[in-house]
Amino acid sequence: MIPRDRAALNAIDEAFKNSRLDIGRQAILCVSMIEGILGVSASSATRAKMEEKLLHGITPVHISQALELLRQDPA
């Protein structure tokens, strides 16, 4: 992972640290942020899988897992 990607992951992670939103809403918002930053749209199935990963926490590890799902999206 290049340093710019690591910085983006850390920025997303930091944005949710003190969030008052429940984890489900955080996951939805995080997926939207990822799509917006990358300028892509995930399929509904991939979006759901990404949100499921992020329900475990909005951390760099979980964000990376969600990004990998997005990379594998055939859409």
N, C-alpha and C. Protein backbone atom coordinates (compact mmCIF):
# COMPACT_ATOMS: atom_id res chain seq x y z
N MET A 1 0.86 -1.17 0.00
CA MET A 1 0.00 0.00 0.00
C MET A 1 0.90 1.23 0.00
N ILE A 2 0.59 2.16 -0.86
CA ILE A 2 1.42 3.37 -0.93
C ILE A 2 1.02 4.32 0.20
N PRO A 3 1.94 5.18 0.63
CA PRO A 3 1.66 6.06 1.77
C PRO A 3 0.40 6.91 1.62
N ARG A 4 0.09 7.36 0.40
CA ARG A 4 -1.11 8.17 0.18
C ARG A 4 -2.36 7.36 0.55
N ASP A 5 -2.37 6.07 0.17
CA ASP A 5 -3.50 5.21 0.52
C ASP A 5 -3.62 5.05 2.03
N ARG A 6 -2.49 4.89 2.68
CA ARG A 6 -2.48 4.74 4.14
C ARG A 6 -3.04 6.00 4.79
N ALA A 7 -2.67 7.15 4.27
CA ALA A 7 -3.17 8.42 4.81
C ALA A 7 -4.68 8.52 4.63
N ALA A 8 -5.18 8.08 3.49
CA ALA A 8 -6.63 8.12 3.25
C ALA A 8 -7.36 7.18 4.22
N LEU A 9 -6.81 5.99 4.43
CA LEU A 9 -7.40 5.05 5.38
C LEU A 9 -7.43 5.64 6.78
N ASN A 10 -6.33 6.24 7.17
CA ASN A 10 -6.25 6.84 8.50
C ASN A 10 -7.22 8.00 8.65
N ALA A 11 -7.38 8.78 7.59
CA ALA A 11 -8.32 9.91 7.64
C ALA A 11 -9.75 9.44 7.81
N ILE A 12 -10.12 8.38 7.07
CA ILE A 12 -11.48 7.83 7.21
C ILE A 12 -11.65 7.27 8.62
N ASP A 13 -10.68 6.52 9.09
CA ASP A 13 -10.72 5.95 10.44
C ASP A 13 -10.90 7.06 11.47
N GLU A 14 -10.12 8.12 11.35
CA GLU A 14 -10.17 9.24 12.30
C GLU A 14 -11.53 9.94 12.28
N ALA A 15 -12.14 10.01 11.11
CA ALA A 15 -13.43 10.69 10.98
C ALA A 15 -14.52 10.01 11.81
N PHE A 16 -14.37 8.73 12.09
CA PHE A 16 -15.41 8.00 12.81
C PHE A 16 -15.08 7.75 14.28
N LYS A 17 -13.91 8.14 14.74
CA LYS A 17 -13.49 7.84 16.12
C LYS A 17 -14.45 8.35 17.18
N ASN A 18 -14.92 9.56 17.04
CA ASN A 18 -15.81 10.14 18.05
C ASN A 18 -17.23 10.29 17.55
N SER A 19 -17.60 9.48 16.58
CA SER A 19 -18.93 9.57 15.99
C SER A 19 -19.99 9.12 16.98
N ARG A 20 -21.12 9.80 16.93
CA ARG A 20 -22.26 9.41 17.76
C ARG A 20 -23.23 8.52 16.99
N LEU A 21 -22.94 8.30 15.71
CA LEU A 21 -23.80 7.43 14.91
C LEU A 21 -23.63 5.98 15.34
N ASP A 22 -24.69 5.20 15.23
CA ASP A 22 -24.55 3.78 15.52
C ASP A 22 -23.69 3.15 14.42
N ILE A 23 -23.14 1.99 14.69
CA ILE A 23 -22.17 1.36 13.79
C ILE A 23 -22.78 1.06 12.41
N GLY A 24 -24.07 0.77 12.36
CA GLY A 24 -24.71 0.50 11.07
C GLY A 24 -24.71 1.73 10.18
N ARG A 25 -25.02 2.87 10.75
CA ARG A 25 -25.01 4.12 9.99
C ARG A 25 -23.58 4.53 9.63
N GLN A 26 -22.65 4.25 10.53
CA GLN A 26 -21.25 4.53 10.23
C GLN A 26 -20.78 3.72 9.03
N ALA A 27 -21.18 2.45 8.99
CA ALA A 27 -20.77 1.57 7.88
C ALA A 27 -21.32 2.09 6.55
N ILE A 28 -22.58 2.50 6.55
CA ILE A 28 -23.20 3.03 5.32
C ILE A 28 -22.48 4.29 4.88
N LEU A 29 -22.22 5.19 5.81
CA LEU A 29 -21.54 6.44 5.50
C LEU A 29 -20.12 6.19 5.02
N CYS A 30 -19.43 5.25 5.65
CA CYS A 30 -18.05 4.94 5.28
C CYS A 30 -17.98 4.41 3.85
N VAL A 31 -18.90 3.52 3.47
CA VAL A 31 -18.92 3.01 2.10
C VAL A 31 -19.16 4.15 1.12
N SER A 32 -20.06 5.04 1.46
CA SER A 32 -20.31 6.20 0.60
C SER A 32 -19.07 7.08 0.47
N MET A 33 -18.35 7.26 1.57
CA MET A 33 -17.12 8.04 1.53
C MET A 33 -16.09 7.39 0.62
N ILE A 34 -15.93 6.08 0.75
CA ILE A 34 -14.98 5.35 -0.09
C ILE A 34 -15.34 5.51 -1.56
N GLU A 35 -16.62 5.32 -1.88
CA GLU A 35 -17.06 5.47 -3.27
C GLU A 35 -16.80 6.89 -3.77
N GLY A 36 -17.08 7.87 -2.93
CA GLY A 36 -16.88 9.27 -3.32
C GLY A 36 -15.42 9.61 -3.54
N ILE A 37 -14.57 9.14 -2.64
CA ILE A 37 -13.13 9.41 -2.77
C ILE A 37 -12.57 8.80 -4.04
N LEU A 38 -13.02 7.58 -4.33
CA LEU A 38 -12.50 6.88 -5.52
C LEU A 38 -13.25 7.24 -6.79
N GLY A 39 -14.41 7.87 -6.66
CA GLY A 39 -15.20 8.24 -7.83
C GLY A 39 -15.81 7.04 -8.53
N VAL A 40 -16.18 6.03 -7.76
CA VAL A 40 -16.79 4.81 -8.31
C VAL A 40 -18.09 4.51 -7.58
N SER A 41 -18.87 3.62 -8.17
CA SER A 41 -20.09 3.13 -7.52
C SER A 41 -20.02 1.61 -7.49
N ALA A 42 -20.24 1.06 -6.32
CA ALA A 42 -20.25 -0.40 -6.16
C ALA A 42 -21.63 -0.93 -6.49
N SER A 43 -21.67 -2.19 -6.90
CA SER A 43 -22.96 -2.84 -7.09
C SER A 43 -23.64 -2.98 -5.74
N SER A 44 -24.92 -3.20 -5.75
CA SER A 44 -25.67 -3.34 -4.49
C SER A 44 -25.14 -4.49 -3.65
N ALA A 45 -24.80 -5.59 -4.31
CA ALA A 45 -24.29 -6.76 -3.58
C ALA A 45 -22.94 -6.46 -2.94
N THR A 46 -22.07 -5.79 -3.68
CA THR A 46 -20.74 -5.45 -3.14
C THR A 46 -20.87 -4.43 -2.04
N ARG A 47 -21.75 -3.47 -2.22
CA ARG A 47 -21.98 -2.45 -1.20
C ARG A 47 -22.42 -3.11 0.11
N ALA A 48 -23.32 -4.07 0.02
CA ALA A 48 -23.80 -4.78 1.21
C ALA A 48 -22.66 -5.55 1.89
N LYS A 49 -21.81 -6.19 1.09
CA LYS A 49 -20.67 -6.93 1.65
C LYS A 49 -19.69 -5.97 2.33
N MET A 50 -19.46 -4.82 1.71
CA MET A 50 -18.57 -3.82 2.30
C MET A 50 -19.12 -3.34 3.63
N GLU A 51 -20.41 -3.04 3.66
CA GLU A 51 -21.04 -2.58 4.90
C GLU A 51 -20.95 -3.64 5.98
N GLU A 52 -21.11 -4.90 5.58
CA GLU A 52 -21.02 -6.00 6.54
C GLU A 52 -19.62 -6.06 7.17
N LYS A 53 -18.59 -5.88 6.36
CA LYS A 53 -17.22 -5.86 6.88
C LYS A 53 -17.05 -4.72 7.88
N LEU A 54 -17.60 -3.57 7.55
CA LEU A 54 -17.43 -2.39 8.38
C LEU A 54 -18.28 -2.41 9.64
N LEU A 55 -19.23 -3.32 9.72
CA LEU A 55 -20.02 -3.45 10.95
C LEU A 55 -19.16 -3.95 12.11
N HIS A 56 -18.00 -4.52 11.78
CA HIS A 56 -17.08 -5.01 12.81
C HIS A 56 -16.23 -3.87 13.38
N GLY A 57 -16.28 -2.72 12.72
CA GLY A 57 -15.53 -1.56 13.17
C GLY A 57 -15.02 -0.76 11.99
N ILE A 58 -14.91 0.53 12.20
CA ILE A 58 -14.37 1.41 11.17
C ILE A 58 -12.90 1.60 11.52
N THR A 59 -12.09 0.64 11.10
CA THR A 59 -10.65 0.66 11.37
C THR A 59 -9.92 0.53 10.04
N PRO A 60 -8.64 0.89 10.00
CA PRO A 60 -7.90 0.72 8.75
C PRO A 60 -7.95 -0.71 8.21
N VAL A 61 -7.94 -1.69 9.09
CA VAL A 61 -8.01 -3.10 8.66
C VAL A 61 -9.34 -3.38 7.97
N HIS A 62 -10.44 -2.97 8.59
CA HIS A 62 -11.76 -3.24 8.02
C HIS A 62 -12.00 -2.40 6.76
N ILE A 63 -11.48 -1.19 6.73
CA ILE A 63 -11.60 -0.36 5.54
C ILE A 63 -10.84 -1.00 4.39
N SER A 64 -9.65 -1.53 4.67
CA SER A 64 -8.87 -2.23 3.63
C SER A 64 -9.62 -3.44 3.10
N GLN A 65 -10.28 -4.18 3.99
CA GLN A 65 -11.07 -5.34 3.56
C GLN A 65 -12.22 -4.90 2.68
N ALA A 66 -12.86 -3.80 3.02
CA ALA A 66 -13.96 -3.28 2.21
C ALA A 66 -13.45 -2.83 0.84
N LEU A 67 -12.28 -2.19 0.82
CA LEU A 67 -11.68 -1.77 -0.44
C LEU A 67 -11.36 -2.97 -1.34
N GLU A 68 -10.90 -4.04 -0.73
CA GLU A 68 -10.59 -5.25 -1.51
C GLU A 68 -11.86 -5.81 -2.14
N LEU A 69 -12.97 -5.78 -1.42
CA LEU A 69 -14.25 -6.20 -1.99
C LEU A 69 -14.63 -5.32 -3.17
N LEU A 70 -14.38 -4.03 -3.04
CA LEU A 70 -14.69 -3.09 -4.12
C LEU A 70 -13.82 -3.38 -5.34
N ARG A 71 -12.56 -3.70 -5.10
CA ARG A 71 -11.66 -4.00 -6.23
C ARG A 71 -12.12 -5.25 -6.99
N GLN A 72 -12.74 -6.17 -6.28
CA GLN A 72 -13.20 -7.42 -6.90
C GLN A 72 -14.57 -7.29 -7.56
N ASP A 73 -15.22 -6.15 -7.39
CA ASP A 73 -16.57 -5.94 -7.94
C ASP A 73 -16.52 -5.92 -9.46
N PRO A 74 -17.26 -6.81 -10.09
CA PRO A 74 -17.23 -6.86 -11.56
C PRO A 74 -17.95 -5.71 -12.25
N ALA A 75 -18.73 -4.94 -11.49
CA ALA A 75 -19.53 -3.86 -12.09
C ALA A 75 -18.72 -2.73 -12.59
